[in-house]
Amino acid sequence: MILPILSIIESPSRGRGVFATAPIAAGTTIEIAPVIVLDPTERKKVEETLLYNYVFEWGEDNKSAIIALGYASIYNHAKLANCKYEMDFDYLTISFITLQAIAQGDELLINYNGEGGPDPDWFKVY
């Protein structure tokens, strides 16, 4: 499920990103994406490819990874994000929810670290 008011367009200095084409209320689930789970061995192989930049850690121990379908891998990072993601290990989905009201034209951003924590050295600060 992807809300029809989301669009992928060029993001200034970030490549492609997900943007709102209409206002969105805080607490709105904007996407529920199915995932493909990679076991730790498969994850290591994928991390040697371009897909390394698009996987999410998965599982209670974070040793596995997922390829999330839909727009999931296109959301850009911000330390102070306006959206969050939640993983459902039972149903093999990842959901994206707004943390605040989103204006038309705003980019939807997630913190790649989940709900906080310091940015890794390789993240640019936005």
PDB file of N, CA and C in Angstrom:
ATOM      1  N   MET A   1       0.844  -1.165   0.000  1.00  0.00           N
ATOM      2  CA  MET A   1       0.000   0.000   0.000  1.00  0.00           C
ATOM      3  C   MET A   1       0.893   1.233   0.000  1.00  0.00           C
ATOM      4  N   ILE A   2       0.709   2.072  -0.990  1.00  0.00           N
ATOM      5  CA  ILE A   2       1.390   3.363  -1.061  1.00  0.00           C
ATOM      6  C   ILE A   2       0.316   4.413  -1.292  1.00  0.00           C
ATOM      7  N   LEU A   3       0.288   5.441  -0.458  1.00  0.00           N
ATOM      8  CA  LEU A   3      -0.696   6.493  -0.680  1.00  0.00           C
ATOM      9  C   LEU A   3      -0.490   7.117  -2.055  1.00  0.00           C
ATOM     10  N   PRO A   4      -1.557   7.397  -2.768  1.00  0.00           N
ATOM     11  CA  PRO A   4      -1.429   7.971  -4.113  1.00  0.00           C
ATOM     12  C   PRO A   4      -0.958   9.426  -4.119  1.00  0.00           C
ATOM     13  N   ILE A   5      -0.760  10.005  -2.946  1.00  0.00           N
ATOM     14  CA  ILE A   5      -0.284  11.397  -2.882  1.00  0.00           C
ATOM     15  C   ILE A   5       1.225  11.462  -2.662  1.00  0.00           C
ATOM     16  N   LEU A   6       1.918  10.373  -2.951  1.00  0.00           N
ATOM     17  CA  LEU A   6       3.377  10.336  -2.887  1.00  0.00           C
ATOM     18  C   LEU A   6       3.931  10.272  -4.296  1.00  0.00           C
ATOM     19  N   SER A   7       5.070  10.919  -4.477  1.00  0.00           N
ATOM     20  CA  SER A   7       5.700  10.930  -5.788  1.00  0.00           C
ATOM     21  C   SER A   7       7.213  10.863  -5.625  1.00  0.00           C
ATOM     22  N   ILE A   8       7.873  10.172  -6.522  1.00  0.00           N
ATOM     23  CA  ILE A   8       9.336  10.133  -6.528  1.00  0.00           C
ATOM     24  C   ILE A   8       9.826  11.168  -7.524  1.00  0.00           C
ATOM     25  N   ILE A   9      10.619  12.113  -7.010  1.00  0.00           N
ATOM     26  CA  ILE A   9      11.211  13.144  -7.875  1.00  0.00           C
ATOM     27  C   ILE A   9      12.639  13.406  -7.413  1.00  0.00           C
ATOM     28  N   GLU A  10      13.368  14.203  -8.175  1.00  0.00           N
ATOM     29  CA  GLU A  10      14.736  14.557  -7.801  1.00  0.00           C
ATOM     30  C   GLU A  10      14.727  15.389  -6.525  1.00  0.00           C
ATOM     31  N   SER A  11      15.617  15.042  -5.621  1.00  0.00           N
ATOM     32  CA  SER A  11      15.777  15.757  -4.364  1.00  0.00           C
ATOM     33  C   SER A  11      17.069  16.556  -4.438  1.00  0.00           C
ATOM     34  N   PRO A  12      17.041  17.826  -4.061  1.00  0.00           N
ATOM     35  CA  PRO A  12      18.263  18.620  -4.137  1.00  0.00           C
ATOM     36  C   PRO A  12      19.426  17.956  -3.400  1.00  0.00           C
ATOM     37  N   SER A  13      20.484  17.667  -4.092  1.00  0.00           N
ATOM     38  CA  SER A  13      21.738  17.085  -3.593  1.00  0.00           C
ATOM     39  C   SER A  13      21.607  15.686  -3.001  1.00  0.00           C
ATOM     40  N   ARG A  14      20.468  15.012  -3.210  1.00  0.00           N
ATOM     41  CA  ARG A  14      20.295  13.684  -2.627  1.00  0.00           C
ATOM     42  C   ARG A  14      19.882  12.624  -3.641  1.00  0.00           C
ATOM     43  N   GLY A  15      19.841  12.933  -4.905  1.00  0.00           N
ATOM     44  CA  GLY A  15      19.323  11.958  -5.867  1.00  0.00           C
ATOM     45  C   GLY A  15      17.810  11.966  -5.823  1.00  0.00           C
ATOM     46  N   ARG A  16      17.213  10.814  -6.033  1.00  0.00           N
ATOM     47  CA  ARG A  16      15.749  10.732  -5.976  1.00  0.00           C
ATOM     48  C   ARG A  16      15.270  10.703  -4.531  1.00  0.00           C
ATOM     49  N   GLY A  17      14.029  11.166  -4.336  1.00  0.00           N
ATOM     50  CA  GLY A  17      13.419  11.130  -3.013  1.00  0.00           C
ATOM     51  C   GLY A  17      11.918  11.010  -3.144  1.00  0.00           C
ATOM     52  N   VAL A  18      11.253  10.810  -2.018  1.00  0.00           N
ATOM     53  CA  VAL A  18       9.796  10.687  -1.975  1.00  0.00           C
ATOM     54  C   VAL A  18       9.226  12.011  -1.457  1.00  0.00           C
ATOM     55  N   PHE A  19       8.253  12.548  -2.186  1.00  0.00           N
ATOM     56  CA  PHE A  19       7.658  13.846  -1.861  1.00  0.00           C
ATOM     57  C   PHE A  19       6.145  13.731  -1.766  1.00  0.00           C
ATOM     58  N   ALA A  20       5.563  14.626  -0.965  1.00  0.00           N
ATOM     59  CA  ALA A  20       4.108  14.690  -0.819  1.00  0.00           C
ATOM     60  C   ALA A  20       3.533  15.589  -1.904  1.00  0.00           C
ATOM     61  N   THR A  21       2.493  15.124  -2.581  1.00  0.00           N
ATOM     62  CA  THR A  21       1.819  15.951  -3.588  1.00  0.00           C
ATOM     63  C   THR A  21       0.557  16.597  -3.016  1.00  0.00           C
ATOM     64  N   ALA A  22       0.300  16.350  -1.723  1.00  0.00           N
ATOM     65  CA  ALA A  22      -0.820  16.959  -0.997  1.00  0.00           C
ATOM     66  C   ALA A  22      -0.438  16.949   0.483  1.00  0.00           C
ATOM     67  N   PRO A  23      -1.083  17.776   1.296  1.00  0.00           N
ATOM     68  CA  PRO A  23      -0.780  17.748   2.738  1.00  0.00           C
ATOM     69  C   PRO A  23      -1.096  16.378   3.337  1.00  0.00           C
ATOM     70  N   ILE A  24      -0.315  16.006   4.367  1.00  0.00           N
ATOM     71  CA  ILE A  24      -0.503  14.724   5.056  1.00  0.00           C
ATOM     72  C   ILE A  24      -0.487  15.004   6.558  1.00  0.00           C
ATOM     73  N   ALA A  25      -1.442  14.481   7.275  1.00  0.00           N
ATOM     74  CA  ALA A  25      -1.526  14.672   8.723  1.00  0.00           C
ATOM     75  C   ALA A  25      -0.456  13.864   9.447  1.00  0.00           C
ATOM     76  N   ALA A  26      -0.064  14.344  10.620  1.00  0.00           N
ATOM     77  CA  ALA A  26       0.850  13.595  11.484  1.00  0.00           C
ATOM     78  C   ALA A  26       0.209  12.269  11.863  1.00  0.00           C
ATOM     79  N   GLY A  27       1.027  11.234  11.959  1.00  0.00           N
ATOM     80  CA  GLY A  27       0.533   9.920  12.354  1.00  0.00           C
ATOM     81  C   GLY A  27      -0.090   9.112  11.239  1.00  0.00           C
ATOM     82  N   THR A  28       0.087   9.552  10.004  1.00  0.00           N
ATOM     83  CA  THR A  28      -0.485   8.852   8.847  1.00  0.00           C
ATOM     84  C   THR A  28       0.477   7.773   8.347  1.00  0.00           C
ATOM     85  N   THR A  29      -0.040   6.574   8.163  1.00  0.00           N
ATOM     86  CA  THR A  29       0.750   5.525   7.515  1.00  0.00           C
ATOM     87  C   THR A  29       0.729   5.821   6.022  1.00  0.00           C
ATOM     88  N   ILE A  30       1.895   6.129   5.470  1.00  0.00           N
ATOM     89  CA  ILE A  30       1.975   6.524   4.067  1.00  0.00           C
ATOM     90  C   ILE A  30       2.344   5.362   3.149  1.00  0.00           C
ATOM     91  N   GLU A  31       2.930   4.320   3.740  1.00  0.00           N
ATOM     92  CA  GLU A  31       3.294   3.156   2.928  1.00  0.00           C
ATOM     93  C   GLU A  31       3.444   1.937   3.829  1.00  0.00           C
ATOM     94  N   ILE A  32       2.984   0.804   3.334  1.00  0.00           N
ATOM     95  CA  ILE A  32       3.277  -0.500   3.924  1.00  0.00           C
ATOM     96  C   ILE A  32       3.860  -1.326   2.784  1.00  0.00           C
ATOM     97  N   ALA A  33       5.141  -1.641   2.899  1.00  0.00           N
ATOM     98  CA  ALA A  33       5.844  -2.321   1.809  1.00  0.00           C
ATOM     99  C   ALA A  33       6.190  -3.757   2.187  1.00  0.00           C
ATOM    100  N   PRO A  34       5.959  -4.696   1.269  1.00  0.00           N
ATOM    101  CA  PRO A  34       6.444  -6.056   1.499  1.00  0.00           C
ATOM    102  C   PRO A  34       7.967  -6.075   1.386  1.00  0.00           C
ATOM    103  N   VAL A  35       8.589  -7.058   2.030  1.00  0.00           N
ATOM    104  CA  VAL A  35      10.048  -7.137   2.016  1.00  0.00           C
ATOM    105  C   VAL A  35      10.510  -8.519   1.583  1.00  0.00           C
ATOM    106  N   ILE A  36      11.716  -8.555   1.063  1.00  0.00           N
ATOM    107  CA  ILE A  36      12.398  -9.807   0.743  1.00  0.00           C
ATOM    108  C   ILE A  36      13.524  -9.947   1.761  1.00  0.00           C
ATOM    109  N   VAL A  37      13.478 -11.006   2.551  1.00  0.00           N
ATOM    110  CA  VAL A  37      14.450 -11.202   3.620  1.00  0.00           C
ATOM    111  C   VAL A  37      15.686 -11.913   3.083  1.00  0.00           C
ATOM    112  N   LEU A  38      16.845 -11.382   3.448  1.00  0.00           N
ATOM    113  CA  LEU A  38      18.136 -11.974   3.093  1.00  0.00           C
ATOM    114  C   LEU A  38      18.776 -12.502   4.365  1.00  0.00           C
ATOM    115  N   ASP A  39      19.170 -13.774   4.371  1.00  0.00           N
ATOM    116  CA  ASP A  39      19.857 -14.297   5.544  1.00  0.00           C
ATOM    117  C   ASP A  39      21.264 -13.684   5.597  1.00  0.00           C
ATOM    118  N   PRO A  40      22.007 -13.860   6.696  1.00  0.00           N
ATOM    119  CA  PRO A  40      23.319 -13.213   6.812  1.00  0.00           C
ATOM    120  C   PRO A  40      24.288 -13.510   5.662  1.00  0.00           C
ATOM    121  N   THR A  41      24.245 -14.721   5.123  1.00  0.00           N
ATOM    122  CA  THR A  41      25.122 -15.058   3.992  1.00  0.00           C
ATOM    123  C   THR A  41      24.717 -14.285   2.743  1.00  0.00           C
ATOM    124  N   GLU A  42      23.420 -14.259   2.462  1.00  0.00           N
ATOM    125  CA  GLU A  42      22.928 -13.505   1.304  1.00  0.00           C
ATOM    126  C   GLU A  42      23.192 -12.009   1.481  1.00  0.00           C
ATOM    127  N   ARG A  43      23.031 -11.524   2.717  1.00  0.00           N
ATOM    128  CA  ARG A  43      23.284 -10.105   2.991  1.00  0.00           C
ATOM    129  C   ARG A  43      24.713  -9.734   2.619  1.00  0.00           C
ATOM    130  N   LYS A  44      25.670 -10.555   3.003  1.00  0.00           N
ATOM    131  CA  LYS A  44      27.081 -10.262   2.688  1.00  0.00           C
ATOM    132  C   LYS A  44      27.293 -10.153   1.180  1.00  0.00           C
ATOM    133  N   LYS A  45      26.650 -11.020   0.410  1.00  0.00           N
ATOM    134  CA  LYS A  45      26.783 -10.969  -1.047  1.00  0.00           C
ATOM    135  C   LYS A  45      26.180  -9.676  -1.596  1.00  0.00           C
ATOM    136  N   VAL A  46      24.985  -9.311  -1.109  1.00  0.00           N
ATOM    137  CA  VAL A  46      24.313  -8.092  -1.584  1.00  0.00           C
ATOM    138  C   VAL A  46      25.112  -6.852  -1.210  1.00  0.00           C
ATOM    139  N   GLU A  47      25.765  -6.876  -0.058  1.00  0.00           N
ATOM    140  CA  GLU A  47      26.550  -5.717   0.377  1.00  0.00           C
ATOM    141  C   GLU A  47      27.766  -5.466  -0.501  1.00  0.00           C
ATOM    142  N   GLU A  48      28.066  -6.391  -1.402  1.00  0.00           N
ATOM    143  CA  GLU A  48      29.153  -6.206  -2.362  1.00  0.00           C
ATOM    144  C   GLU A  48      28.648  -5.611  -3.675  1.00  0.00           C
ATOM    145  N   THR A  49      27.369  -5.219  -3.698  1.00  0.00           N
ATOM    146  CA  THR A  49      26.758  -4.685  -4.912  1.00  0.00           C
ATOM    147  C   THR A  49      26.181  -3.293  -4.654  1.00  0.00           C
ATOM    148  N   LEU A  50      25.646  -2.692  -5.695  1.00  0.00           N
ATOM    149  CA  LEU A  50      24.976  -1.395  -5.580  1.00  0.00           C
ATOM    150  C   LEU A  50      23.810  -1.437  -4.600  1.00  0.00           C
ATOM    151  N   LEU A  51      23.191  -2.599  -4.427  1.00  0.00           N
ATOM    152  CA  LEU A  51      22.057  -2.720  -3.511  1.00  0.00           C
ATOM    153  C   LEU A  51      22.439  -2.467  -2.057  1.00  0.00           C
ATOM    154  N   TYR A  52      23.729  -2.454  -1.747  1.00  0.00           N
ATOM    155  CA  TYR A  52      24.188  -2.170  -0.387  1.00  0.00           C
ATOM    156  C   TYR A  52      23.561  -0.881   0.151  1.00  0.00           C
ATOM    157  N   ASN A  53      23.409   0.107  -0.700  1.00  0.00           N
ATOM    158  CA  ASN A  53      22.862   1.401  -0.285  1.00  0.00           C
ATOM    159  C   ASN A  53      21.349   1.389  -0.087  1.00  0.00           C
ATOM    160  N   TYR A  54      20.694   0.266  -0.352  1.00  0.00           N
ATOM    161  CA  TYR A  54      19.232   0.218  -0.329  1.00  0.00           C
ATOM    162  C   TYR A  54      18.659  -0.843   0.600  1.00  0.00           C
ATOM    163  N   VAL A  55      19.497  -1.539   1.341  1.00  0.00           N
ATOM    164  CA  VAL A  55      18.984  -2.575   2.235  1.00  0.00           C
ATOM    165  C   VAL A  55      18.778  -2.013   3.637  1.00  0.00           C
ATOM    166  N   PHE A  56      17.902  -2.662   4.372  1.00  0.00           N
ATOM    167  CA  PHE A  56      17.665  -2.359   5.787  1.00  0.00           C
ATOM    168  C   PHE A  56      18.120  -3.561   6.602  1.00  0.00           C
ATOM    169  N   GLU A  57      18.700  -3.305   7.789  1.00  0.00           N
ATOM    170  CA  GLU A  57      18.978  -4.412   8.696  1.00  0.00           C
ATOM    171  C   GLU A  57      17.654  -5.017   9.135  1.00  0.00           C
ATOM    172  N   TRP A  58      17.670  -6.313   9.473  1.00  0.00           N
ATOM    173  CA  TRP A  58      16.427  -7.017   9.783  1.00  0.00           C
ATOM    174  C   TRP A  58      16.662  -8.038  10.876  1.00  0.00           C
ATOM    175  N   GLY A  59      15.643  -8.275  11.651  1.00  0.00           N
ATOM    176  CA  GLY A  59      15.679  -9.289  12.683  1.00  0.00           C
ATOM    177  C   GLY A  59      16.065  -8.712  14.034  1.00  0.00           C
ATOM    178  N   GLU A  60      15.809  -9.477  15.062  1.00  0.00           N
ATOM    179  CA  GLU A  60      16.110  -9.020  16.426  1.00  0.00           C
ATOM    180  C   GLU A  60      17.604  -8.760  16.615  1.00  0.00           C
ATOM    181  N   ASP A  61      18.455  -9.495  15.900  1.00  0.00           N
ATOM    182  CA  ASP A  61      19.901  -9.329  16.040  1.00  0.00           C
ATOM    183  C   ASP A  61      20.512  -8.480  14.924  1.00  0.00           C
ATOM    184  N   ASN A  62      19.702  -8.016  13.981  1.00  0.00           N
ATOM    185  CA  ASN A  62      20.146  -7.183  12.848  1.00  0.00           C
ATOM    186  C   ASN A  62      21.196  -7.855  11.968  1.00  0.00           C
ATOM    187  N   LYS A  63      21.288  -9.169  12.001  1.00  0.00           N
ATOM    188  CA  LYS A  63      22.266  -9.860  11.157  1.00  0.00           C
ATOM    189  C   LYS A  63      21.738 -10.131   9.755  1.00  0.00           C
ATOM    190  N   SER A  64      20.424 -10.220   9.630  1.00  0.00           N
ATOM    191  CA  SER A  64      19.816 -10.388   8.317  1.00  0.00           C
ATOM    192  C   SER A  64      19.559  -9.003   7.730  1.00  0.00           C
ATOM    193  N   ALA A  65      19.058  -8.969   6.520  1.00  0.00           N
ATOM    194  CA  ALA A  65      18.724  -7.699   5.872  1.00  0.00           C
ATOM    195  C   ALA A  65      17.486  -7.914   5.023  1.00  0.00           C
ATOM    196  N   ILE A  66      16.919  -6.814   4.572  1.00  0.00           N
ATOM    197  CA  ILE A  66      15.774  -6.894   3.667  1.00  0.00           C
ATOM    198  C   ILE A  66      15.982  -5.981   2.477  1.00  0.00           C
ATOM    199  N   ILE A  67      15.392  -6.394   1.385  1.00  0.00           N
ATOM    200  CA  ILE A  67      15.155  -5.526   0.245  1.00  0.00           C
ATOM    201  C   ILE A  67      13.683  -5.160   0.385  1.00  0.00           C
ATOM    202  N   ALA A  68      13.399  -3.887   0.610  1.00  0.00           N
ATOM    203  CA  ALA A  68      12.021  -3.436   0.770  1.00  0.00           C
ATOM    204  C   ALA A  68      11.503  -2.989  -0.586  1.00  0.00           C
ATOM    205  N   LEU A  69      10.324  -3.421  -0.935  1.00  0.00           N
ATOM    206  CA  LEU A  69       9.735  -3.096  -2.226  1.00  0.00           C
ATOM    207  C   LEU A  69       8.976  -1.772  -2.136  1.00  0.00           C
ATOM    208  N   GLY A  70       8.331  -1.371  -3.203  1.00  0.00           N
ATOM    209  CA  GLY A  70       7.630  -0.093  -3.206  1.00  0.00           C
ATOM    210  C   GLY A  70       8.622   1.070  -3.213  1.00  0.00           C
ATOM    211  N   TYR A  71       8.261   2.151  -2.539  1.00  0.00           N
ATOM    212  CA  TYR A  71       9.122   3.337  -2.470  1.00  0.00           C
ATOM    213  C   TYR A  71      10.129   3.248  -1.325  1.00  0.00           C
ATOM    214  N   ALA A  72      10.050   2.211  -0.523  1.00  0.00           N
ATOM    215  CA  ALA A  72      10.761   2.115   0.744  1.00  0.00           C
ATOM    216  C   ALA A  72      12.242   2.480   0.680  1.00  0.00           C
ATOM    217  N   SER A  73      12.935   2.046  -0.320  1.00  0.00           N
ATOM    218  CA  SER A  73      14.373   2.298  -0.398  1.00  0.00           C
ATOM    219  C   SER A  73      14.714   3.650  -1.014  1.00  0.00           C
ATOM    220  N   ILE A  74      13.719   4.446  -1.332  1.00  0.00           N
ATOM    221  CA  ILE A  74      13.955   5.758  -1.954  1.00  0.00           C
ATOM    222  C   ILE A  74      13.869   6.894  -0.930  1.00  0.00           C
ATOM    223  N   TYR A  75      13.296   6.636   0.260  1.00  0.00           N
ATOM    224  CA  TYR A  75      13.240   7.690   1.284  1.00  0.00           C
ATOM    225  C   TYR A  75      14.656   8.068   1.679  1.00  0.00           C
ATOM    226  N   ASN A  76      14.941   9.341   1.691  1.00  0.00           N
ATOM    227  CA  ASN A  76      16.260   9.826   2.083  1.00  0.00           C
ATOM    228  C   ASN A  76      16.353   9.988   3.595  1.00  0.00           C
ATOM    229  N   HIS A  77      17.590  10.114   4.069  1.00  0.00           N
ATOM    230  CA  HIS A  77      17.899  10.215   5.495  1.00  0.00           C
ATOM    231  C   HIS A  77      17.915  11.661   5.967  1.00  0.00           C
ATOM    232  N   ALA A  78      17.443  11.857   7.186  1.00  0.00           N
ATOM    233  CA  ALA A  78      17.648  13.099   7.928  1.00  0.00           C
ATOM    234  C   ALA A  78      17.694  12.728   9.402  1.00  0.00           C
ATOM    235  N   LYS A  79      18.651  13.290  10.116  1.00  0.00           N
ATOM    236  CA  LYS A  79      18.738  13.011  11.543  1.00  0.00           C
ATOM    237  C   LYS A  79      17.442  13.415  12.231  1.00  0.00           C
ATOM    238  N   LEU A  80      16.906  14.572  11.859  1.00  0.00           N
ATOM    239  CA  LEU A  80      15.616  15.031  12.384  1.00  0.00           C
ATOM    240  C   LEU A  80      14.562  14.765  11.323  1.00  0.00           C
ATOM    241  N   ALA A  81      14.195  13.520  11.189  1.00  0.00           N
ATOM    242  CA  ALA A  81      13.288  13.075  10.131  1.00  0.00           C
ATOM    243  C   ALA A  81      11.846  13.483  10.418  1.00  0.00           C
ATOM    244  N   ASN A  82      11.037  13.538   9.342  1.00  0.00           N
ATOM    245  CA  ASN A  82       9.615  13.831   9.503  1.00  0.00           C
ATOM    246  C   ASN A  82       8.755  12.570   9.404  1.00  0.00           C
ATOM    247  N   CYS A  83       9.404  11.420   9.218  1.00  0.00           N
ATOM    248  CA  CYS A  83       8.712  10.126   9.168  1.00  0.00           C
ATOM    249  C   CYS A  83       9.546   9.107   9.938  1.00  0.00           C
ATOM    250  N   LYS A  84       8.926   8.008  10.278  1.00  0.00           N
ATOM    251  CA  LYS A  84       9.634   6.886  10.903  1.00  0.00           C
ATOM    252  C   LYS A  84       9.242   5.615  10.172  1.00  0.00           C
ATOM    253  N   TYR A  85       9.986   4.559  10.428  1.00  0.00           N
ATOM    254  CA  TYR A  85       9.600   3.262   9.871  1.00  0.00           C
ATOM    255  C   TYR A  85       9.478   2.241  10.990  1.00  0.00           C
ATOM    256  N   GLU A  86       8.575   1.289  10.772  1.00  0.00           N
ATOM    257  CA  GLU A  86       8.354   0.198  11.715  1.00  0.00           C
ATOM    258  C   GLU A  86       8.379  -1.110  10.946  1.00  0.00           C
ATOM    259  N   MET A  87       9.097  -2.081  11.490  1.00  0.00           N
ATOM    260  CA  MET A  87       9.220  -3.378  10.844  1.00  0.00           C
ATOM    261  C   MET A  87       8.282  -4.379  11.495  1.00  0.00           C
ATOM    262  N   ASP A  88       7.635  -5.182  10.680  1.00  0.00           N
ATOM    263  CA  ASP A  88       6.770  -6.246  11.177  1.00  0.00           C
ATOM    264  C   ASP A  88       7.394  -7.563  10.749  1.00  0.00           C
ATOM    265  N   PHE A  89       8.090  -8.205  11.695  1.00  0.00           N
ATOM    266  CA  PHE A  89       8.807  -9.441  11.397  1.00  0.00           C
ATOM    267  C   PHE A  89       7.863 -10.600  11.098  1.00  0.00           C
ATOM    268  N   ASP A  90       6.653 -10.570  11.648  1.00  0.00           N
ATOM    269  CA  ASP A  90       5.695 -11.647  11.416  1.00  0.00           C
ATOM    270  C   ASP A  90       5.081 -11.582  10.020  1.00  0.00           C
ATOM    271  N   TYR A  91       4.729 -10.377   9.583  1.00  0.00           N
ATOM    272  CA  TYR A  91       4.058 -10.209   8.289  1.00  0.00           C
ATOM    273  C   TYR A  91       5.012  -9.814   7.164  1.00  0.00           C
ATOM    274  N   LEU A  92       6.302  -9.697   7.474  1.00  0.00           N
ATOM    275  CA  LEU A  92       7.332  -9.372   6.480  1.00  0.00           C
ATOM    276  C   LEU A  92       7.005  -8.084   5.734  1.00  0.00           C
ATOM    277  N   THR A  93       6.776  -7.027   6.518  1.00  0.00           N
ATOM    278  CA  THR A  93       6.502  -5.707   5.944  1.00  0.00           C
ATOM    279  C   THR A  93       7.283  -4.646   6.701  1.00  0.00           C
ATOM    280  N   ILE A  94       7.411  -3.497   6.060  1.00  0.00           N
ATOM    281  CA  ILE A  94       7.961  -2.305   6.682  1.00  0.00           C
ATOM    282  C   ILE A  94       6.973  -1.173   6.400  1.00  0.00           C
ATOM    283  N   SER A  95       6.600  -0.449   7.442  1.00  0.00           N
ATOM    284  CA  SER A  95       5.624   0.631   7.318  1.00  0.00           C
ATOM    285  C   SER A  95       6.308   1.972   7.563  1.00  0.00           C
ATOM    286  N   PHE A  96       5.832   2.987   6.863  1.00  0.00           N
ATOM    287  CA  PHE A  96       6.346   4.348   7.003  1.00  0.00           C
ATOM    288  C   PHE A  96       5.218   5.237   7.489  1.00  0.00           C
ATOM    289  N   ILE A  97       5.491   5.989   8.566  1.00  0.00           N
ATOM    290  CA  ILE A  97       4.474   6.789   9.240  1.00  0.00           C
ATOM    291  C   ILE A  97       5.008   8.201   9.432  1.00  0.00           C
ATOM    292  N   THR A  98       4.152   9.202   9.194  1.00  0.00           N
ATOM    293  CA  THR A  98       4.577  10.587   9.392  1.00  0.00           C
ATOM    294  C   THR A  98       4.664  10.895  10.887  1.00  0.00           C
ATOM    295  N   LEU A  99       5.684  11.639  11.273  1.00  0.00           N
ATOM    296  CA  LEU A  99       5.872  12.058  12.656  1.00  0.00           C
ATOM    297  C   LEU A  99       5.270  13.433  12.926  1.00  0.00           C
ATOM    298  N   GLN A 100       5.013  14.164  11.865  1.00  0.00           N
ATOM    299  CA  GLN A 100       4.471  15.517  11.965  1.00  0.00           C
ATOM    300  C   GLN A 100       3.647  15.784  10.725  1.00  0.00           C
ATOM    301  N   ALA A 101       2.918  16.886  10.725  1.00  0.00           N
ATOM    302  CA  ALA A 101       2.165  17.269   9.533  1.00  0.00           C
ATOM    303  C   ALA A 101       3.151  17.552   8.401  1.00  0.00           C
ATOM    304  N   ILE A 102       2.806  17.111   7.214  1.00  0.00           N
ATOM    305  CA  ILE A 102       3.647  17.274   6.023  1.00  0.00           C
ATOM    306  C   ILE A 102       2.910  18.192   5.054  1.00  0.00           C
ATOM    307  N   ALA A 103       3.608  19.191   4.563  1.00  0.00           N
ATOM    308  CA  ALA A 103       3.003  20.113   3.597  1.00  0.00           C
ATOM    309  C   ALA A 103       3.183  19.577   2.177  1.00  0.00           C
ATOM    310  N   GLN A 104       2.296  19.997   1.294  1.00  0.00           N
ATOM    311  CA  GLN A 104       2.437  19.640  -0.117  1.00  0.00           C
ATOM    312  C   GLN A 104       3.808  20.100  -0.599  1.00  0.00           C
ATOM    313  N   GLY A 105       4.513  19.222  -1.274  1.00  0.00           N
ATOM    314  CA  GLY A 105       5.832  19.544  -1.803  1.00  0.00           C
ATOM    315  C   GLY A 105       6.983  19.172  -0.892  1.00  0.00           C
ATOM    316  N   ASP A 106       6.704  18.821   0.372  1.00  0.00           N
ATOM    317  CA  ASP A 106       7.774  18.442   1.299  1.00  0.00           C
ATOM    318  C   ASP A 106       8.320  17.066   0.953  1.00  0.00           C
ATOM    319  N   GLU A 107       9.624  16.910   1.167  1.00  0.00           N
ATOM    320  CA  GLU A 107      10.226  15.588   1.037  1.00  0.00           C
ATOM    321  C   GLU A 107       9.978  14.802   2.318  1.00  0.00           C
ATOM    322  N   LEU A 108       9.689  13.527   2.166  1.00  0.00           N
ATOM    323  CA  LEU A 108       9.477  12.622   3.292  1.00  0.00           C
ATOM    324  C   LEU A 108      10.808  11.974   3.629  1.00  0.00           C
ATOM    325  N   LEU A 109      11.260  12.148   4.867  1.00  0.00           N
ATOM    326  CA  LEU A 109      12.589  11.734   5.281  1.00  0.00           C
ATOM    327  C   LEU A 109      12.508  10.811   6.484  1.00  0.00           C
ATOM    328  N   ILE A 110      13.386   9.817   6.512  1.00  0.00           N
ATOM    329  CA  ILE A 110      13.474   8.906   7.656  1.00  0.00           C
ATOM    330  C   ILE A 110      14.876   8.988   8.241  1.00  0.00           C
ATOM    331  N   ASN A 111      14.998   8.626   9.505  1.00  0.00           N
ATOM    332  CA  ASN A 111      16.310   8.492  10.113  1.00  0.00           C
ATOM    333  C   ASN A 111      16.739   7.052   9.884  1.00  0.00           C
ATOM    334  N   TYR A 112      17.798   6.850   9.139  1.00  0.00           N
ATOM    335  CA  TYR A 112      18.235   5.498   8.804  1.00  0.00           C
ATOM    336  C   TYR A 112      18.606   4.680  10.037  1.00  0.00           C
ATOM    337  N   ASN A 113      18.804   5.339  11.170  1.00  0.00           N
ATOM    338  CA  ASN A 113      19.131   4.654  12.417  1.00  0.00           C
ATOM    339  C   ASN A 113      17.879   4.237  13.177  1.00  0.00           C
ATOM    340  N   GLY A 114      16.732   4.319  12.560  1.00  0.00           N
ATOM    341  CA  GLY A 114      15.487   4.025  13.265  1.00  0.00           C
ATOM    342  C   GLY A 114      14.950   5.296  13.869  1.00  0.00           C
ATOM    343  N   GLU A 115      14.804   5.336  15.180  1.00  0.00           N
ATOM    344  CA  GLU A 115      14.224   6.513  15.824  1.00  0.00           C
ATOM    345  C   GLU A 115      15.268   7.346  16.542  1.00  0.00           C
ATOM    346  N   GLY A 116      16.467   7.371  16.053  1.00  0.00           N
ATOM    347  CA  GLY A 116      17.453   8.246  16.672  1.00  0.00           C
ATOM    348  C   GLY A 116      18.818   7.625  16.704  1.00  0.00           C
ATOM    349  N   GLY A 117      19.632   8.179  17.538  1.00  0.00           N
ATOM    350  CA  GLY A 117      21.001   7.713  17.636  1.00  0.00           C
ATOM    351  C   GLY A 117      21.903   8.556  16.759  1.00  0.00           C
ATOM    352  N   PRO A 118      23.192   8.478  17.011  1.00  0.00           N
ATOM    353  CA  PRO A 118      24.131   9.297  16.240  1.00  0.00           C
ATOM    354  C   PRO A 118      24.213   8.844  14.788  1.00  0.00           C
ATOM    355  N   ASP A 119      24.493   9.796  13.921  1.00  0.00           N
ATOM    356  CA  ASP A 119      24.682   9.469  12.512  1.00  0.00           C
ATOM    357  C   ASP A 119      26.017   8.775  12.317  1.00  0.00           C
ATOM    358  N   PRO A 120      26.061   7.727  11.497  1.00  0.00           N
ATOM    359  CA  PRO A 120      27.358   7.152  11.141  1.00  0.00           C
ATOM    360  C   PRO A 120      28.202   8.190  10.406  1.00  0.00           C
ATOM    361  N   ASP A 121      29.491   8.004  10.425  1.00  0.00           N
ATOM    362  CA  ASP A 121      30.408   8.974   9.813  1.00  0.00           C
ATOM    363  C   ASP A 121      30.110   9.236   8.342  1.00  0.00           C
ATOM    364  N   TRP A 122      29.596   8.222   7.618  1.00  0.00           N
ATOM    365  CA  TRP A 122      29.415   8.388   6.179  1.00  0.00           C
ATOM    366  C   TRP A 122      28.159   9.149   5.812  1.00  0.00           C
ATOM    367  N   PHE A 123      27.256   9.477   6.807  1.00  0.00           N
ATOM    368  CA  PHE A 123      26.066  10.275   6.499  1.00  0.00           C
ATOM    369  C   PHE A 123      26.453  11.736   6.406  1.00  0.00           C
ATOM    370  N   LYS A 124      25.890  12.414   5.419  1.00  0.00           N
ATOM    371  CA  LYS A 124      25.980  13.860   5.384  1.00  0.00           C
ATOM    372  C   LYS A 124      24.921  14.410   6.333  1.00  0.00           C
ATOM    373  N   VAL A 125      25.206  15.507   6.980  1.00  0.00           N
ATOM    374  CA  VAL A 125      24.230  16.116   7.880  1.00  0.00           C
ATOM    375  C   VAL A 125      23.319  17.013   7.063  1.00  0.00           C
ATOM    376  N   TYR A 126      22.008  16.796   7.169  1.00  0.00           N
ATOM    377  CA  TYR A 126      21.019  17.605   6.448  1.00  0.00           C
ATOM    378  C   TYR A 126      20.136  18.281   7.455  1.00  0.00           C
TER     379      TYR A 126
END
